[in-house]
Amino acid sequence: MTEDKKSGFTLTEMLVGMAIFSLILVAVSGIFVSAIRIQKRALVAEEISRETSYLLEYMSRALRMARKDDVGGVDCLGGNKKTNYEITPTGIKFRNYKDQCQEFYLDTTTYQLIEKISSSGGELISTSTLTSPNLRVNYFYVNIFGAEQGDNQQPRVTITMEITKRNVSQPKVRVQTTISQRQLDWSF
């Protein structure tokens, strides 16, 4: 007696094969989704870093070129003609190289950094937002060292800030930099 056997898979073999295939598919999908999340986070960090770098370079250039507020007609720093910079409640104010009053400050309603430039007579020349609307400056602190004439220290400004992307909790970029004034401020 010969029995005719057809080759094929049993129902159990098919179920085991489908279960293994499903497990592999879920693992690969999880890795793919994780890679996309990591890439999104890296792109956000790169965007924040790029804008922060530009912002610091722009502000550093202006702060390095600041001048003592000692020119007649220019009254940027509240009549104190012996200082280079003045800390405001939300930023810093100084006389720039064009003899204009320039100020960098944090707008506490929009959480963006603002630049305000006024003429020597006090008329507003321009107001510019330095950060894009999709970024949020969480804090912006300024410390001044050596700003007084006769303290025998070169004026320098330390800026500390934290920037995040709006509606995204991570990543945060925290930076601190110190800028020294280009002109010597020593009195001998």
C-alpha atoms as a PDB file:
ATOM      1  CA  MET A   1       0.000   0.000   0.000  1.00  0.00           C
ATOM      2  CA  THR A   2       1.277   3.338  -0.933  1.00  0.00           C
ATOM      3  CA  GLU A   3      -0.104   6.412   0.592  1.00  0.00           C
ATOM      4  CA  ASP A   4      -0.239   9.641  -1.357  1.00  0.00           C
ATOM      5  CA  LYS A   5       1.164  12.418   0.809  1.00  0.00           C
ATOM      6  CA  LYS A   6       1.048  15.958  -0.411  1.00  0.00           C
ATOM      7  CA  SER A   7       3.695  18.341   0.822  1.00  0.00           C
ATOM      8  CA  GLY A   8       2.503  21.476   2.618  1.00  0.00           C
ATOM      9  CA  PHE A   9       2.293  23.229   5.966  1.00  0.00           C
ATOM     10  CA  THR A  10       0.081  22.370   8.828  1.00  0.00           C
ATOM     11  CA  LEU A  11      -2.080  24.969  10.505  1.00  0.00           C
ATOM     12  CA  THR A  12       0.241  24.959  13.537  1.00  0.00           C
ATOM     13  CA  GLU A  13       3.287  25.625  11.390  1.00  0.00           C
ATOM     14  CA  MET A  14       1.515  28.503   9.652  1.00  0.00           C
ATOM     15  CA  LEU A  15       0.503  30.070  13.005  1.00  0.00           C
ATOM     16  CA  VAL A  16       4.029  29.779  14.404  1.00  0.00           C
ATOM     17  CA  GLY A  17       5.474  31.305  11.221  1.00  0.00           C
ATOM     18  CA  MET A  18       3.015  34.206  11.321  1.00  0.00           C
ATOM     19  CA  ALA A  19       3.742  34.842  15.012  1.00  0.00           C
ATOM     20  CA  ILE A  20       7.498  34.968  14.383  1.00  0.00           C
ATOM     21  CA  PHE A  21       6.992  37.264  11.375  1.00  0.00           C
ATOM     22  CA  SER A  22       4.722  39.542  13.467  1.00  0.00           C
ATOM     23  CA  LEU A  23       7.307  39.772  16.277  1.00  0.00           C
ATOM     24  CA  ILE A  24      10.048  40.682  13.805  1.00  0.00           C
ATOM     25  CA  LEU A  25       7.783  43.276  12.154  1.00  0.00           C
ATOM     26  CA  VAL A  26       6.923  44.883  15.523  1.00  0.00           C
ATOM     27  CA  ALA A  27      10.608  45.021  16.533  1.00  0.00           C
ATOM     28  CA  VAL A  28      11.669  46.591  13.227  1.00  0.00           C
ATOM     29  CA  SER A  29       8.782  49.103  13.403  1.00  0.00           C
ATOM     30  CA  GLY A  30       9.798  50.059  16.949  1.00  0.00           C
ATOM     31  CA  ILE A  31      13.381  50.655  15.861  1.00  0.00           C
ATOM     32  CA  PHE A  32      12.182  52.737  12.900  1.00  0.00           C
ATOM     33  CA  VAL A  33       9.885  54.903  15.079  1.00  0.00           C
ATOM     34  CA  SER A  34      12.687  55.369  17.619  1.00  0.00           C
ATOM     35  CA  ALA A  35      15.080  56.455  14.854  1.00  0.00           C
ATOM     36  CA  ILE A  36      12.538  59.028  13.604  1.00  0.00           C
ATOM     37  CA  ARG A  37      12.132  60.440  17.142  1.00  0.00           C
ATOM     38  CA  ILE A  38      15.895  60.708  17.565  1.00  0.00           C
ATOM     39  CA  GLN A  39      16.199  62.455  14.185  1.00  0.00           C
ATOM     40  CA  LYS A  40      13.422  64.946  15.101  1.00  0.00           C
ATOM     41  CA  ARG A  41      15.153  65.733  18.376  1.00  0.00           C
ATOM     42  CA  ALA A  42      18.490  66.192  16.616  1.00  0.00           C
ATOM     43  CA  LEU A  43      16.912  68.568  14.080  1.00  0.00           C
ATOM     44  CA  VAL A  44      15.320  70.637  16.869  1.00  0.00           C
ATOM     45  CA  ALA A  45      18.641  70.794  18.741  1.00  0.00           C
ATOM     46  CA  GLU A  46      20.423  71.832  15.547  1.00  0.00           C
ATOM     47  CA  GLU A  47      17.862  74.584  14.859  1.00  0.00           C
ATOM     48  CA  ILE A  48      18.142  75.950  18.396  1.00  0.00           C
ATOM     49  CA  SER A  49      21.939  75.758  18.281  1.00  0.00           C
ATOM     50  CA  ARG A  50      22.106  77.547  14.916  1.00  0.00           C
ATOM     51  CA  GLU A  51      19.846  80.394  16.037  1.00  0.00           C
ATOM     52  CA  THR A  52      21.598  80.692  19.412  1.00  0.00           C
ATOM     53  CA  SER A  53      24.976  80.872  17.701  1.00  0.00           C
ATOM     54  CA  TYR A  54      23.786  83.656  15.392  1.00  0.00           C
ATOM     55  CA  LEU A  55      22.155  85.510  18.280  1.00  0.00           C
ATOM     56  CA  LEU A  56      25.282  85.387  20.453  1.00  0.00           C
ATOM     57  CA  GLU A  57      27.523  86.460  17.589  1.00  0.00           C
ATOM     58  CA  TYR A  58      25.263  89.405  16.741  1.00  0.00           C
ATOM     59  CA  MET A  59      24.974  90.587  20.346  1.00  0.00           C
ATOM     60  CA  SER A  60      28.684  90.008  21.023  1.00  0.00           C
ATOM     61  CA  ARG A  61      29.695  92.153  18.076  1.00  0.00           C
ATOM     62  CA  ALA A  62      27.493  95.030  19.269  1.00  0.00           C
ATOM     63  CA  LEU A  63      28.598  94.733  22.918  1.00  0.00           C
ATOM     64  CA  ARG A  64      32.303  94.600  21.970  1.00  0.00           C
ATOM     65  CA  MET A  65      31.910  97.874  20.066  1.00  0.00           C
ATOM     66  CA  ALA A  66      30.110  99.696  22.920  1.00  0.00           C
ATOM     67  CA  ARG A  67      31.408 103.087  23.991  1.00  0.00           C
ATOM     68  CA  LYS A  68      31.412 105.006  27.213  1.00  0.00           C
ATOM     69  CA  ASP A  69      28.313 107.208  27.452  1.00  0.00           C
ATOM     70  CA  ASP A  70      30.359 110.426  27.652  1.00  0.00           C
ATOM     71  CA  VAL A  71      29.371 112.332  24.511  1.00  0.00           C
ATOM     72  CA  GLY A  72      27.299 115.480  24.794  1.00  0.00           C
ATOM     73  CA  GLY A  73      23.724 114.968  23.655  1.00  0.00           C
ATOM     74  CA  VAL A  74      23.837 111.178  24.072  1.00  0.00           C
ATOM     75  CA  ASP A  75      22.208 110.042  27.290  1.00  0.00           C
ATOM     76  CA  CYS A  76      21.728 106.298  27.057  1.00  0.00           C
ATOM     77  CA  LEU A  77      22.616 105.313  30.582  1.00  0.00           C
ATOM     78  CA  GLY A  78      20.518 107.635  32.675  1.00  0.00           C
ATOM     79  CA  GLY A  79      23.039 110.439  32.943  1.00  0.00           C
ATOM     80  CA  ASN A  80      25.843 108.260  34.341  1.00  0.00           C
ATOM     81  CA  LYS A  81      28.671 109.267  32.016  1.00  0.00           C
ATOM     82  CA  LYS A  82      31.266 107.005  33.652  1.00  0.00           C
ATOM     83  CA  THR A  83      29.859 103.618  32.702  1.00  0.00           C
ATOM     84  CA  ASN A  84      29.881 101.544  29.543  1.00  0.00           C
ATOM     85  CA  TYR A  85      26.772  99.452  30.095  1.00  0.00           C
ATOM     86  CA  GLU A  86      23.596  99.562  32.130  1.00  0.00           C
ATOM     87  CA  ILE A  87      21.599  96.542  33.244  1.00  0.00           C
ATOM     88  CA  THR A  88      17.869  97.028  32.694  1.00  0.00           C
ATOM     89  CA  PRO A  89      15.175  94.908  34.392  1.00  0.00           C
ATOM     90  CA  THR A  90      15.142  92.482  31.434  1.00  0.00           C
ATOM     91  CA  GLY A  91      18.412  93.114  29.555  1.00  0.00           C
ATOM     92  CA  ILE A  92      21.265  95.509  28.842  1.00  0.00           C
ATOM     93  CA  LYS A  93      21.573  99.012  27.401  1.00  0.00           C
ATOM     94  CA  PHE A  94      24.654 100.768  25.979  1.00  0.00           C
ATOM     95  CA  ARG A  95      25.901 103.407  23.545  1.00  0.00           C
ATOM     96  CA  ASN A  96      26.911 101.775  20.278  1.00  0.00           C
ATOM     97  CA  TYR A  97      29.682 102.758  17.872  1.00  0.00           C
ATOM     98  CA  LYS A  98      27.235 104.951  15.884  1.00  0.00           C
ATOM     99  CA  ASP A  99      26.487 107.038  19.014  1.00  0.00           C
ATOM    100  CA  GLN A 100      23.016 105.517  19.265  1.00  0.00           C
ATOM    101  CA  CYS A 101      21.379 103.991  22.307  1.00  0.00           C
ATOM    102  CA  GLN A 102      21.109 100.242  21.804  1.00  0.00           C
ATOM    103  CA  GLU A 103      19.333  97.774  24.048  1.00  0.00           C
ATOM    104  CA  PHE A 104      18.936  93.996  24.113  1.00  0.00           C
ATOM    105  CA  TYR A 105      16.113  92.731  26.320  1.00  0.00           C
ATOM    106  CA  LEU A 106      13.764  89.813  26.889  1.00  0.00           C
ATOM    107  CA  ASP A 107      10.127  90.528  26.091  1.00  0.00           C
ATOM    108  CA  THR A 108       8.401  88.808  29.015  1.00  0.00           C
ATOM    109  CA  THR A 109       5.094  88.445  27.149  1.00  0.00           C
ATOM    110  CA  THR A 110       6.417  86.728  23.994  1.00  0.00           C
ATOM    111  CA  TYR A 111       9.650  85.315  25.511  1.00  0.00           C
ATOM    112  CA  GLN A 112      11.692  86.585  22.586  1.00  0.00           C
ATOM    113  CA  LEU A 113      14.851  88.681  22.574  1.00  0.00           C
ATOM    114  CA  ILE A 114      14.338  92.197  21.250  1.00  0.00           C
ATOM    115  CA  GLU A 115      16.818  94.805  20.020  1.00  0.00           C
ATOM    116  CA  LYS A 116      15.848  98.454  20.361  1.00  0.00           C
ATOM    117  CA  ILE A 117      17.884 101.276  18.830  1.00  0.00           C
ATOM    118  CA  SER A 118      17.244 104.946  19.589  1.00  0.00           C
ATOM    119  CA  SER A 119      18.905 108.071  18.275  1.00  0.00           C
ATOM    120  CA  SER A 120      21.083 110.277  20.440  1.00  0.00           C
ATOM    121  CA  GLY A 121      18.031 112.505  20.935  1.00  0.00           C
ATOM    122  CA  GLY A 122      15.947 109.586  22.196  1.00  0.00           C
ATOM    123  CA  GLU A 123      13.779 109.014  19.083  1.00  0.00           C
ATOM    124  CA  LEU A 124      13.128 105.346  18.357  1.00  0.00           C
ATOM    125  CA  ILE A 125      14.975 104.230  15.210  1.00  0.00           C
ATOM    126  CA  SER A 126      14.120 100.536  15.156  1.00  0.00           C
ATOM    127  CA  THR A 127      12.852  97.616  17.158  1.00  0.00           C
ATOM    128  CA  SER A 128      13.736  94.125  15.962  1.00  0.00           C
ATOM    129  CA  THR A 129      12.938  90.654  17.215  1.00  0.00           C
ATOM    130  CA  LEU A 130      16.180  88.676  17.335  1.00  0.00           C
ATOM    131  CA  THR A 131      14.708  85.215  17.882  1.00  0.00           C
ATOM    132  CA  SER A 132      12.282  83.407  15.604  1.00  0.00           C
ATOM    133  CA  PRO A 133       8.672  82.960  16.741  1.00  0.00           C
ATOM    134  CA  ASN A 134       9.061  79.187  17.061  1.00  0.00           C
ATOM    135  CA  LEU A 135      11.748  79.576  19.754  1.00  0.00           C
ATOM    136  CA  ARG A 136      11.248  80.614  23.364  1.00  0.00           C
ATOM    137  CA  VAL A 137      13.902  82.281  25.512  1.00  0.00           C
ATOM    138  CA  ASN A 138      13.211  80.925  28.996  1.00  0.00           C
ATOM    139  CA  TYR A 139      15.668  83.250  30.706  1.00  0.00           C
ATOM    140  CA  PHE A 140      18.160  85.960  29.791  1.00  0.00           C
ATOM    141  CA  TYR A 141      20.550  87.258  32.462  1.00  0.00           C
ATOM    142  CA  VAL A 142      23.287  89.843  32.088  1.00  0.00           C
ATOM    143  CA  ASN A 143      26.152  90.560  34.491  1.00  0.00           C
ATOM    144  CA  ILE A 144      28.604  93.418  34.058  1.00  0.00           C
ATOM    145  CA  PHE A 145      32.160  93.487  35.390  1.00  0.00           C
ATOM    146  CA  GLY A 146      34.530  96.446  35.251  1.00  0.00           C
ATOM    147  CA  ALA A 147      32.054  98.958  33.839  1.00  0.00           C
ATOM    148  CA  GLU A 148      33.038 101.873  36.087  1.00  0.00           C
ATOM    149  CA  GLN A 149      35.729 104.290  34.968  1.00  0.00           C
ATOM    150  CA  GLY A 150      38.735 104.069  37.258  1.00  0.00           C
ATOM    151  CA  ASP A 151      38.189 100.505  38.515  1.00  0.00           C
ATOM    152  CA  ASN A 152      41.197  99.416  36.400  1.00  0.00           C
ATOM    153  CA  GLN A 153      39.284  96.498  34.887  1.00  0.00           C
ATOM    154  CA  GLN A 154      38.459  95.985  31.260  1.00  0.00           C
ATOM    155  CA  PRO A 155      34.651  96.152  30.877  1.00  0.00           C
ATOM    156  CA  ARG A 156      33.093  92.780  30.167  1.00  0.00           C
ATOM    157  CA  VAL A 157      29.567  91.464  29.957  1.00  0.00           C
ATOM    158  CA  THR A 158      28.478  87.917  30.792  1.00  0.00           C
ATOM    159  CA  ILE A 159      25.285  86.706  29.115  1.00  0.00           C
ATOM    160  CA  THR A 160      23.462  83.604  30.324  1.00  0.00           C
ATOM    161  CA  MET A 161      20.343  82.300  28.605  1.00  0.00           C
ATOM    162  CA  GLU A 162      18.253  79.229  27.949  1.00  0.00           C
ATOM    163  CA  ILE A 163      16.390  78.676  24.685  1.00  0.00           C
ATOM    164  CA  THR A 164      13.862  75.971  23.786  1.00  0.00           C
ATOM    165  CA  LYS A 165      11.563  75.315  20.868  1.00  0.00           C
ATOM    166  CA  ARG A 166       7.952  76.274  21.547  1.00  0.00           C
ATOM    167  CA  ASN A 167       5.589  73.376  22.251  1.00  0.00           C
ATOM    168  CA  VAL A 168       8.536  70.968  22.591  1.00  0.00           C
ATOM    169  CA  SER A 169       9.852  70.184  26.055  1.00  0.00           C
ATOM    170  CA  GLN A 170      13.247  68.940  24.909  1.00  0.00           C
ATOM    171  CA  PRO A 171      15.963  69.819  24.007  1.00  0.00           C
ATOM    172  CA  LYS A 172      17.020  72.979  25.807  1.00  0.00           C
ATOM    173  CA  VAL A 173      20.117  74.951  24.957  1.00  0.00           C
ATOM    174  CA  ARG A 174      21.789  76.752  27.846  1.00  0.00           C
ATOM    175  CA  VAL A 175      24.631  79.075  26.983  1.00  0.00           C
ATOM    176  CA  GLN A 176      26.883  81.474  28.794  1.00  0.00           C
ATOM    177  CA  THR A 177      29.451  83.737  27.217  1.00  0.00           C
ATOM    178  CA  THR A 178      31.575  86.657  28.313  1.00  0.00           C
ATOM    179  CA  ILE A 179      32.327  89.552  25.989  1.00  0.00           C
ATOM    180  CA  SER A 180      34.994  92.158  26.665  1.00  0.00           C
ATOM    181  CA  GLN A 181      34.808  95.640  25.269  1.00  0.00           C
ATOM    182  CA  ARG A 182      37.190  96.326  22.402  1.00  0.00           C
ATOM    183  CA  GLN A 183      38.322  99.771  23.570  1.00  0.00           C
ATOM    184  CA  LEU A 184      40.599  99.862  26.587  1.00  0.00           C
ATOM    185  CA  ASP A 185      39.000 101.460  29.595  1.00  0.00           C
ATOM    186  CA  TRP A 186      41.936 101.873  31.920  1.00  0.00           C
ATOM    187  CA  SER A 187      42.871 105.163  33.486  1.00  0.00           C
ATOM    188  CA  PHE A 188      46.487 105.615  34.492  1.00  0.00           C
END
